[in-house]
Amino acid sequence: MCKDKVIKIAPDDFGSGFSSFTLLRQIPLDILKIDRNYISNIPGNKRDATIAGSLIAIGHSMDLQVAAEGIENEERLAFLNAKNRDLAQGCYFSVPVPKNETTKLLGKPYPGG
């Protein structure tokens, strides 16, 4: 039934392009999804590490879940775990998979085909 469905708003690539701090004020977000550009050089790049850590803190202070995309190794995951990120995405977990193959990973049929 439709009332059982939960829709959450999580704009992709926060911090790049049109996805900026303006969204935090204008749209009722549920998840702040940090752009991979801020993740791909951590923990070695101090500026990117500071930005990523700050975005996680900002998201949490606004009662948002924080997702990090672009996690491709254990070192990045450990850094983000230490910063208390909520969700993670990247090749460390799985390479991109076509939607019809996600059923194998999730064990459920994909609604709509």
C-alpha atoms as a PDB file:
ATOM      1  CA  MET A   1       0.000   0.000   0.000  1.00  0.00           C
ATOM      2  CA  CYS A   2       1.146   3.566  -0.641  1.00  0.00           C
ATOM      3  CA  LYS A   3       0.987   4.575   3.013  1.00  0.00           C
ATOM      4  CA  ASP A   4       3.713   2.010   3.707  1.00  0.00           C
ATOM      5  CA  LYS A   5       6.123   3.791   1.347  1.00  0.00           C
ATOM      6  CA  VAL A   6       8.598   6.295   2.716  1.00  0.00           C
ATOM      7  CA  ILE A   7      10.039   8.933   0.432  1.00  0.00           C
ATOM      8  CA  LYS A   8      13.159  10.771   1.505  1.00  0.00           C
ATOM      9  CA  ILE A   9      14.780  13.722  -0.229  1.00  0.00           C
ATOM     10  CA  ALA A  10      18.518  13.350  -0.823  1.00  0.00           C
ATOM     11  CA  PRO A  11      19.910  15.590  -3.559  1.00  0.00           C
ATOM     12  CA  ASP A  12      22.892  14.056  -5.291  1.00  0.00           C
ATOM     13  CA  ASP A  13      26.389  15.574  -5.271  1.00  0.00           C
ATOM     14  CA  PHE A  14      25.950  18.095  -2.451  1.00  0.00           C
ATOM     15  CA  GLY A  15      28.532  20.847  -2.680  1.00  0.00           C
ATOM     16  CA  SER A  16      28.818  20.885  -6.459  1.00  0.00           C
ATOM     17  CA  GLY A  17      26.875  22.553  -9.248  1.00  0.00           C
ATOM     18  CA  PHE A  18      23.355  23.554  -8.276  1.00  0.00           C
ATOM     19  CA  SER A  19      23.393  21.410  -5.144  1.00  0.00           C
ATOM     20  CA  SER A  20      24.571  23.967  -2.595  1.00  0.00           C
ATOM     21  CA  PHE A  21      23.903  25.422   0.844  1.00  0.00           C
ATOM     22  CA  THR A  22      20.822  27.129  -0.579  1.00  0.00           C
ATOM     23  CA  LEU A  23      19.132  23.711  -0.605  1.00  0.00           C
ATOM     24  CA  LEU A  24      19.610  23.453   3.153  1.00  0.00           C
ATOM     25  CA  ARG A  25      17.441  26.529   3.591  1.00  0.00           C
ATOM     26  CA  GLN A  26      14.851  26.047   0.859  1.00  0.00           C
ATOM     27  CA  ILE A  27      14.085  22.331   0.634  1.00  0.00           C
ATOM     28  CA  PRO A  28      13.082  20.004   3.484  1.00  0.00           C
ATOM     29  CA  LEU A  29      15.921  17.515   3.020  1.00  0.00           C
ATOM     30  CA  ASP A  30      16.212  14.185   4.809  1.00  0.00           C
ATOM     31  CA  ILE A  31      19.694  13.191   3.695  1.00  0.00           C
ATOM     32  CA  LEU A  32      22.765  15.255   2.868  1.00  0.00           C
ATOM     33  CA  LYS A  33      24.723  13.295   0.247  1.00  0.00           C
ATOM     34  CA  ILE A  34      28.307  14.558   0.019  1.00  0.00           C
ATOM     35  CA  ASP A  35      29.760  14.776  -3.468  1.00  0.00           C
ATOM     36  CA  ARG A  36      32.531  12.291  -4.262  1.00  0.00           C
ATOM     37  CA  ASN A  37      34.886  15.172  -5.113  1.00  0.00           C
ATOM     38  CA  TYR A  38      35.213  15.881  -1.381  1.00  0.00           C
ATOM     39  CA  ILE A  39      35.687  12.201  -0.566  1.00  0.00           C
ATOM     40  CA  SER A  40      38.103  11.004  -3.262  1.00  0.00           C
ATOM     41  CA  ASN A  41      41.218  12.567  -1.693  1.00  0.00           C
ATOM     42  CA  ILE A  42      40.623  11.855   1.969  1.00  0.00           C
ATOM     43  CA  PRO A  43      42.108  11.374   4.413  1.00  0.00           C
ATOM     44  CA  GLY A  44      45.348  12.506   2.730  1.00  0.00           C
ATOM     45  CA  ASN A  45      44.112  15.920   1.566  1.00  0.00           C
ATOM     46  CA  LYS A  46      43.617  18.087   4.657  1.00  0.00           C
ATOM     47  CA  ARG A  47      41.251  20.550   2.961  1.00  0.00           C
ATOM     48  CA  ASP A  48      38.971  17.838   1.598  1.00  0.00           C
ATOM     49  CA  ALA A  49      39.056  16.033   4.939  1.00  0.00           C
ATOM     50  CA  THR A  50      38.064  19.249   6.713  1.00  0.00           C
ATOM     51  CA  ILE A  51      35.256  19.946   4.234  1.00  0.00           C
ATOM     52  CA  ALA A  52      33.906  16.387   4.475  1.00  0.00           C
ATOM     53  CA  GLY A  53      34.046  16.415   8.278  1.00  0.00           C
ATOM     54  CA  SER A  54      32.356  19.831   8.376  1.00  0.00           C
ATOM     55  CA  LEU A  55      29.578  18.747   6.015  1.00  0.00           C
ATOM     56  CA  ILE A  56      28.907  15.721   8.204  1.00  0.00           C
ATOM     57  CA  ALA A  57      28.744  17.970  11.288  1.00  0.00           C
ATOM     58  CA  ILE A  58      26.446  20.470   9.538  1.00  0.00           C
ATOM     59  CA  GLY A  59      24.124  17.710   8.376  1.00  0.00           C
ATOM     60  CA  HIS A  60      23.902  16.162  11.817  1.00  0.00           C
ATOM     61  CA  SER A  61      23.330  19.539  13.481  1.00  0.00           C
ATOM     62  CA  MET A  62      20.321  19.942  11.163  1.00  0.00           C
ATOM     63  CA  ASP A  63      19.033  16.464  12.106  1.00  0.00           C
ATOM     64  CA  LEU A  64      19.800  15.083   8.633  1.00  0.00           C
ATOM     65  CA  GLN A  65      21.298  11.745   7.787  1.00  0.00           C
ATOM     66  CA  VAL A  66      24.616  12.149   5.999  1.00  0.00           C
ATOM     67  CA  ALA A  67      25.690   9.964   3.092  1.00  0.00           C
ATOM     68  CA  ALA A  68      29.138   9.913   1.530  1.00  0.00           C
ATOM     69  CA  GLU A  69      29.597   8.797  -2.052  1.00  0.00           C
ATOM     70  CA  GLY A  70      32.862   7.740  -3.633  1.00  0.00           C
ATOM     71  CA  ILE A  71      34.111   5.381  -0.937  1.00  0.00           C
ATOM     72  CA  GLU A  72      36.574   3.187  -2.760  1.00  0.00           C
ATOM     73  CA  ASN A  73      38.888   1.904  -0.041  1.00  0.00           C
ATOM     74  CA  GLU A  74      39.005   0.951   3.621  1.00  0.00           C
ATOM     75  CA  GLU A  75      41.026   4.052   4.557  1.00  0.00           C
ATOM     76  CA  ARG A  76      38.269   6.406   3.348  1.00  0.00           C
ATOM     77  CA  LEU A  77      35.618   4.319   5.041  1.00  0.00           C
ATOM     78  CA  ALA A  78      37.531   4.377   8.347  1.00  0.00           C
ATOM     79  CA  PHE A  79      37.933   8.177   8.148  1.00  0.00           C
ATOM     80  CA  LEU A  80      34.221   8.687   7.464  1.00  0.00           C
ATOM     81  CA  ASN A  81      33.232   6.196  10.153  1.00  0.00           C
ATOM     82  CA  ALA A  82      35.295   8.220  12.633  1.00  0.00           C
ATOM     83  CA  LYS A  83      33.316  11.304  11.543  1.00  0.00           C
ATOM     84  CA  ASN A  84      30.045   9.409  12.144  1.00  0.00           C
ATOM     85  CA  ARG A  85      28.641   9.410   8.611  1.00  0.00           C
ATOM     86  CA  ASP A  86      25.319   7.573   8.419  1.00  0.00           C
ATOM     87  CA  LEU A  87      25.276   6.125   4.909  1.00  0.00           C
ATOM     88  CA  ALA A  88      27.963   5.157   2.422  1.00  0.00           C
ATOM     89  CA  GLN A  89      28.190   4.459  -1.283  1.00  0.00           C
ATOM     90  CA  GLY A  90      31.067   3.503  -3.522  1.00  0.00           C
ATOM     91  CA  CYS A  91      33.030   0.831  -5.312  1.00  0.00           C
ATOM     92  CA  TYR A  92      34.421  -0.404  -1.984  1.00  0.00           C
ATOM     93  CA  PHE A  93      31.004  -1.995  -1.462  1.00  0.00           C
ATOM     94  CA  SER A  94      29.969  -2.734  -5.054  1.00  0.00           C
ATOM     95  CA  VAL A  95      30.590  -1.524  -8.571  1.00  0.00           C
ATOM     96  CA  PRO A  96      27.536   0.152 -10.163  1.00  0.00           C
ATOM     97  CA  VAL A  97      24.889  -2.445 -10.952  1.00  0.00           C
ATOM     98  CA  PRO A  98      22.045  -2.197 -13.498  1.00  0.00           C
ATOM     99  CA  LYS A  99      18.639  -1.898 -11.823  1.00  0.00           C
ATOM    100  CA  ASN A 100      17.485  -5.314 -13.058  1.00  0.00           C
ATOM    101  CA  GLU A 101      20.492  -6.927 -11.323  1.00  0.00           C
ATOM    102  CA  THR A 102      19.866  -5.281  -7.965  1.00  0.00           C
ATOM    103  CA  THR A 103      17.276  -7.946  -7.237  1.00  0.00           C
ATOM    104  CA  LYS A 104      20.103 -10.443  -6.865  1.00  0.00           C
ATOM    105  CA  LEU A 105      21.839  -8.181  -4.377  1.00  0.00           C
ATOM    106  CA  LEU A 106      18.729  -7.214  -2.436  1.00  0.00           C
ATOM    107  CA  GLY A 107      16.835 -10.463  -2.729  1.00  0.00           C
ATOM    108  CA  LYS A 108      13.589  -8.719  -3.752  1.00  0.00           C
ATOM    109  CA  PRO A 109      11.965  -7.959  -7.082  1.00  0.00           C
ATOM    110  CA  TYR A 110      12.482  -4.450  -8.473  1.00  0.00           C
ATOM    111  CA  PRO A 111       9.086  -2.711  -8.660  1.00  0.00           C
ATOM    112  CA  GLY A 112       8.263  -1.720 -12.193  1.00  0.00           C
ATOM    113  CA  GLY A 113      10.595  -4.034 -13.980  1.00  0.00           C
END
